Amino acid sequence: MPGYIITNAEVFDKDAYGEYGKLAPDAIAKYGREFLTRGGAAQILEGNWEPHRIVVVKFDSVEQAKAMYNSPEYQAAKEKRIGAADFNMIVVEGN
């Protein structure tokens, strides 16, 4: 069953966030991924959201998504975005 990481990222410092952007895709690709969306325009249909940069990444399983998140490669990328962006991130099972 596939797993999806869904992120809502509010970017404060585009230059510093760019350093994260240089490292994260390679870390994610190592675990077999498909970006379904990367920051396209979001429209609220219901609720009290404040969407910023929405990213959805598909993995073969939730376990694989969590392995990517906990990997040394992704953790190194994550260090680059601290202070540059606030992330809300979940992993969810899919079909």
N, C-alpha and C. Protein backbone atom coordinates (compact mmCIF):
# COMPACT_ATOMS: atom_id res chain seq x y z
N MET A 1 0.85 -1.18 0.00
CA MET A 1 0.00 0.00 0.00
C MET A 1 0.89 1.24 0.00
N PRO A 2 0.66 2.17 -0.92
CA PRO A 2 1.53 3.35 -0.97
C PRO A 2 1.39 4.23 0.26
N GLY A 3 2.43 5.01 0.48
CA GLY A 3 2.43 6.02 1.53
C GLY A 3 2.69 7.37 0.91
N TYR A 4 2.10 8.39 1.48
CA TYR A 4 2.23 9.74 0.97
C TYR A 4 2.72 10.66 2.08
N ILE A 5 3.74 11.44 1.79
CA ILE A 5 4.13 12.51 2.69
C ILE A 5 3.50 13.79 2.14
N ILE A 6 2.76 14.45 3.01
CA ILE A 6 2.09 15.71 2.66
C ILE A 6 2.69 16.80 3.54
N THR A 7 3.15 17.86 2.90
CA THR A 7 3.83 18.95 3.60
C THR A 7 3.18 20.28 3.25
N ASN A 8 3.01 21.10 4.27
CA ASN A 8 2.62 22.50 4.09
C ASN A 8 3.80 23.31 4.61
N ALA A 9 4.52 23.96 3.71
CA ALA A 9 5.75 24.68 4.07
C ALA A 9 5.54 26.18 3.91
N GLU A 10 5.83 26.91 4.98
CA GLU A 10 5.82 28.37 4.92
C GLU A 10 7.27 28.83 4.88
N VAL A 11 7.69 29.35 3.76
CA VAL A 11 9.09 29.73 3.53
C VAL A 11 9.29 31.19 3.92
N PHE A 12 10.31 31.43 4.78
CA PHE A 12 10.65 32.78 5.23
C PHE A 12 11.91 33.31 4.57
N ASP A 13 12.84 32.41 4.28
CA ASP A 13 14.15 32.79 3.73
C ASP A 13 14.40 31.94 2.49
N LYS A 14 14.13 32.49 1.32
CA LYS A 14 14.22 31.72 0.08
C LYS A 14 15.63 31.23 -0.21
N ASP A 15 16.64 32.03 0.13
CA ASP A 15 18.02 31.61 -0.13
C ASP A 15 18.39 30.39 0.72
N ALA A 16 18.11 30.45 2.01
CA ALA A 16 18.42 29.32 2.89
C ALA A 16 17.57 28.11 2.52
N TYR A 17 16.32 28.33 2.18
CA TYR A 17 15.45 27.23 1.76
C TYR A 17 15.97 26.60 0.48
N GLY A 18 16.59 27.39 -0.37
CA GLY A 18 17.18 26.88 -1.59
C GLY A 18 18.26 25.84 -1.32
N GLU A 19 18.97 25.99 -0.21
CA GLU A 19 19.98 24.99 0.18
C GLU A 19 19.30 23.66 0.50
N TYR A 20 18.18 23.72 1.19
CA TYR A 20 17.38 22.51 1.45
C TYR A 20 16.93 21.92 0.11
N GLY A 21 16.46 22.78 -0.78
CA GLY A 21 15.97 22.34 -2.08
C GLY A 21 17.02 21.67 -2.95
N LYS A 22 18.28 21.96 -2.69
CA LYS A 22 19.36 21.30 -3.44
C LYS A 22 19.59 19.87 -2.94
N LEU A 23 19.35 19.62 -1.66
CA LEU A 23 19.66 18.32 -1.06
C LEU A 23 18.46 17.38 -0.97
N ALA A 24 17.30 17.92 -0.66
CA ALA A 24 16.14 17.07 -0.38
C ALA A 24 15.72 16.18 -1.55
N PRO A 25 15.65 16.67 -2.79
CA PRO A 25 15.19 15.78 -3.87
C PRO A 25 16.04 14.52 -4.04
N ASP A 26 17.35 14.62 -3.89
CA ASP A 26 18.21 13.43 -4.00
C ASP A 26 17.96 12.47 -2.85
N ALA A 27 17.77 13.02 -1.65
CA ALA A 27 17.48 12.17 -0.49
C ALA A 27 16.15 11.44 -0.69
N ILE A 28 15.16 12.16 -1.22
CA ILE A 28 13.84 11.56 -1.45
C ILE A 28 13.92 10.53 -2.57
N ALA A 29 14.64 10.83 -3.65
CA ALA A 29 14.74 9.93 -4.80
C ALA A 29 15.37 8.59 -4.43
N LYS A 30 16.27 8.60 -3.47
CA LYS A 30 16.94 7.37 -3.05
C LYS A 30 15.93 6.33 -2.55
N TYR A 31 14.77 6.77 -2.10
CA TYR A 31 13.77 5.87 -1.54
C TYR A 31 12.63 5.60 -2.50
N GLY A 32 12.81 5.94 -3.76
CA GLY A 32 11.79 5.67 -4.77
C GLY A 32 10.60 6.57 -4.55
N ARG A 33 10.48 7.62 -5.28
CA ARG A 33 9.45 8.61 -5.04
C ARG A 33 8.82 9.09 -6.33
N GLU A 34 7.69 9.73 -6.12
CA GLU A 34 7.04 10.46 -7.21
C GLU A 34 6.45 11.72 -6.59
N PHE A 35 6.92 12.88 -7.03
CA PHE A 35 6.33 14.13 -6.57
C PHE A 35 4.99 14.29 -7.29
N LEU A 36 3.92 14.39 -6.53
CA LEU A 36 2.60 14.59 -7.12
C LEU A 36 2.27 16.06 -7.26
N THR A 37 2.77 16.86 -6.34
CA THR A 37 2.68 18.31 -6.45
C THR A 37 3.83 18.92 -5.67
N ARG A 38 4.32 20.04 -6.18
CA ARG A 38 5.44 20.75 -5.54
C ARG A 38 5.17 22.25 -5.59
N GLY A 39 4.28 22.71 -4.73
CA GLY A 39 4.09 24.14 -4.60
C GLY A 39 3.18 24.79 -5.61
N GLY A 40 2.32 24.03 -6.26
CA GLY A 40 1.36 24.64 -7.17
C GLY A 40 0.33 25.47 -6.42
N ALA A 41 -0.47 26.20 -7.15
CA ALA A 41 -1.50 27.05 -6.55
C ALA A 41 -2.50 26.20 -5.78
N ALA A 42 -2.80 26.60 -4.54
CA ALA A 42 -3.77 25.90 -3.70
C ALA A 42 -4.98 26.80 -3.47
N GLN A 43 -6.15 26.20 -3.49
CA GLN A 43 -7.38 26.94 -3.22
C GLN A 43 -8.12 26.24 -2.09
N ILE A 44 -8.56 27.00 -1.11
CA ILE A 44 -9.29 26.44 0.02
C ILE A 44 -10.72 26.16 -0.42
N LEU A 45 -11.17 24.94 -0.22
CA LEU A 45 -12.55 24.57 -0.52
C LEU A 45 -13.40 24.56 0.75
N GLU A 46 -12.74 24.28 1.89
CA GLU A 46 -13.48 24.18 3.13
C GLU A 46 -12.51 24.29 4.29
N GLY A 47 -12.93 24.88 5.38
CA GLY A 47 -12.12 24.92 6.59
C GLY A 47 -11.32 26.20 6.73
N ASN A 48 -10.47 26.21 7.74
CA ASN A 48 -9.68 27.39 8.10
C ASN A 48 -8.20 27.18 7.86
N TRP A 49 -7.84 26.71 6.72
CA TRP A 49 -6.45 26.50 6.33
C TRP A 49 -5.75 27.82 6.07
N GLU A 50 -4.44 27.74 6.13
CA GLU A 50 -3.58 28.78 5.57
C GLU A 50 -2.50 28.07 4.78
N PRO A 51 -2.86 27.50 3.61
CA PRO A 51 -1.86 26.76 2.85
C PRO A 51 -0.79 27.69 2.30
N HIS A 52 0.42 27.17 2.29
CA HIS A 52 1.55 27.93 1.76
C HIS A 52 2.10 27.16 0.56
N ARG A 53 3.18 26.45 0.74
CA ARG A 53 3.76 25.63 -0.33
C ARG A 53 3.39 24.18 -0.01
N ILE A 54 2.47 23.62 -0.76
CA ILE A 54 2.01 22.25 -0.53
C ILE A 54 2.83 21.31 -1.41
N VAL A 55 3.37 20.27 -0.76
CA VAL A 55 4.15 19.25 -1.47
C VAL A 55 3.57 17.89 -1.09
N VAL A 56 3.30 17.06 -2.10
CA VAL A 56 2.83 15.70 -1.88
C VAL A 56 3.78 14.76 -2.61
N VAL A 57 4.33 13.80 -1.86
CA VAL A 57 5.28 12.85 -2.43
C VAL A 57 4.76 11.44 -2.18
N LYS A 58 4.74 10.62 -3.22
CA LYS A 58 4.27 9.24 -3.13
C LYS A 58 5.46 8.29 -2.97
N PHE A 59 5.31 7.34 -2.05
CA PHE A 59 6.29 6.28 -1.82
C PHE A 59 5.59 4.93 -1.96
N ASP A 60 6.37 3.87 -2.06
CA ASP A 60 5.78 2.54 -2.19
C ASP A 60 5.04 2.11 -0.93
N SER A 61 5.42 2.66 0.23
CA SER A 61 4.78 2.30 1.49
C SER A 61 5.01 3.40 2.52
N VAL A 62 4.22 3.38 3.58
CA VAL A 62 4.44 4.31 4.69
C VAL A 62 5.81 4.06 5.30
N GLU A 63 6.20 2.80 5.40
CA GLU A 63 7.50 2.46 5.98
C GLU A 63 8.63 3.08 5.16
N GLN A 64 8.50 3.03 3.84
CA GLN A 64 9.53 3.62 2.98
C GLN A 64 9.56 5.14 3.13
N ALA A 65 8.40 5.76 3.26
CA ALA A 65 8.34 7.21 3.47
C ALA A 65 9.02 7.58 4.79
N LYS A 66 8.76 6.81 5.84
CA LYS A 66 9.37 7.09 7.14
C LYS A 66 10.87 6.82 7.11
N ALA A 67 11.29 5.80 6.36
CA ALA A 67 12.72 5.53 6.23
C ALA A 67 13.42 6.70 5.55
N MET A 68 12.79 7.28 4.53
CA MET A 68 13.36 8.45 3.88
C MET A 68 13.48 9.59 4.87
N TYR A 69 12.40 9.86 5.60
CA TYR A 69 12.40 10.98 6.54
C TYR A 69 13.50 10.83 7.60
N ASN A 70 13.71 9.62 8.07
CA ASN A 70 14.70 9.37 9.12
C ASN A 70 16.11 9.13 8.59
N SER A 71 16.28 9.12 7.28
CA SER A 71 17.60 8.83 6.70
C SER A 71 18.60 9.95 6.99
N PRO A 72 19.88 9.60 7.05
CA PRO A 72 20.90 10.63 7.25
C PRO A 72 20.88 11.69 6.15
N GLU A 73 20.57 11.27 4.92
CA GLU A 73 20.55 12.22 3.80
C GLU A 73 19.46 13.27 3.98
N TYR A 74 18.26 12.81 4.36
CA TYR A 74 17.17 13.77 4.52
C TYR A 74 17.39 14.62 5.77
N GLN A 75 17.90 14.04 6.82
CA GLN A 75 18.14 14.82 8.04
C GLN A 75 19.16 15.92 7.78
N ALA A 76 20.15 15.65 6.93
CA ALA A 76 21.12 16.70 6.55
C ALA A 76 20.42 17.81 5.78
N ALA A 77 19.52 17.44 4.88
CA ALA A 77 18.75 18.45 4.14
C ALA A 77 17.87 19.25 5.08
N LYS A 78 17.23 18.56 6.01
CA LYS A 78 16.33 19.21 6.97
C LYS A 78 17.07 20.28 7.78
N GLU A 79 18.30 20.02 8.15
CA GLU A 79 19.10 21.00 8.90
C GLU A 79 19.22 22.31 8.14
N LYS A 80 19.26 22.24 6.82
CA LYS A 80 19.42 23.44 5.99
C LYS A 80 18.18 24.33 5.99
N ARG A 81 17.01 23.76 6.28
CA ARG A 81 15.79 24.56 6.24
C ARG A 81 15.38 25.11 7.60
N ILE A 82 16.05 24.69 8.66
CA ILE A 82 15.71 25.20 9.99
C ILE A 82 15.93 26.70 10.01
N GLY A 83 14.90 27.43 10.39
CA GLY A 83 14.94 28.88 10.40
C GLY A 83 14.56 29.51 9.06
N ALA A 84 14.55 28.72 8.01
CA ALA A 84 14.19 29.23 6.68
C ALA A 84 12.73 28.98 6.35
N ALA A 85 12.15 27.96 6.99
CA ALA A 85 10.77 27.59 6.69
C ALA A 85 10.18 26.83 7.87
N ASP A 86 8.88 26.98 8.05
CA ASP A 86 8.13 26.15 9.00
C ASP A 86 7.43 25.07 8.20
N PHE A 87 7.57 23.83 8.64
CA PHE A 87 6.94 22.70 7.97
C PHE A 87 5.88 22.08 8.88
N ASN A 88 4.74 21.74 8.31
CA ASN A 88 3.78 20.81 8.88
C ASN A 88 3.79 19.64 7.92
N MET A 89 4.09 18.43 8.44
CA MET A 89 4.29 17.28 7.57
C MET A 89 3.61 16.06 8.19
N ILE A 90 2.90 15.31 7.36
CA ILE A 90 2.30 14.06 7.80
C ILE A 90 2.64 12.97 6.79
N VAL A 91 2.52 11.73 7.25
CA VAL A 91 2.59 10.58 6.34
C VAL A 91 1.25 9.86 6.48
N VAL A 92 0.70 9.43 5.35
CA VAL A 92 -0.62 8.79 5.34
C VAL A 92 -0.61 7.61 4.39
N GLU A 93 -1.35 6.56 4.75
CA GLU A 93 -1.51 5.43 3.85
C GLU A 93 -2.46 5.80 2.73
N GLY A 94 -2.20 5.22 1.57
CA GLY A 94 -3.07 5.50 0.43
C GLY A 94 -3.51 4.23 -0.25
N ASN A 95 -4.06 4.38 -1.42
CA ASN A 95 -4.52 3.25 -2.22
C ASN A 95 -3.68 3.14 -3.46
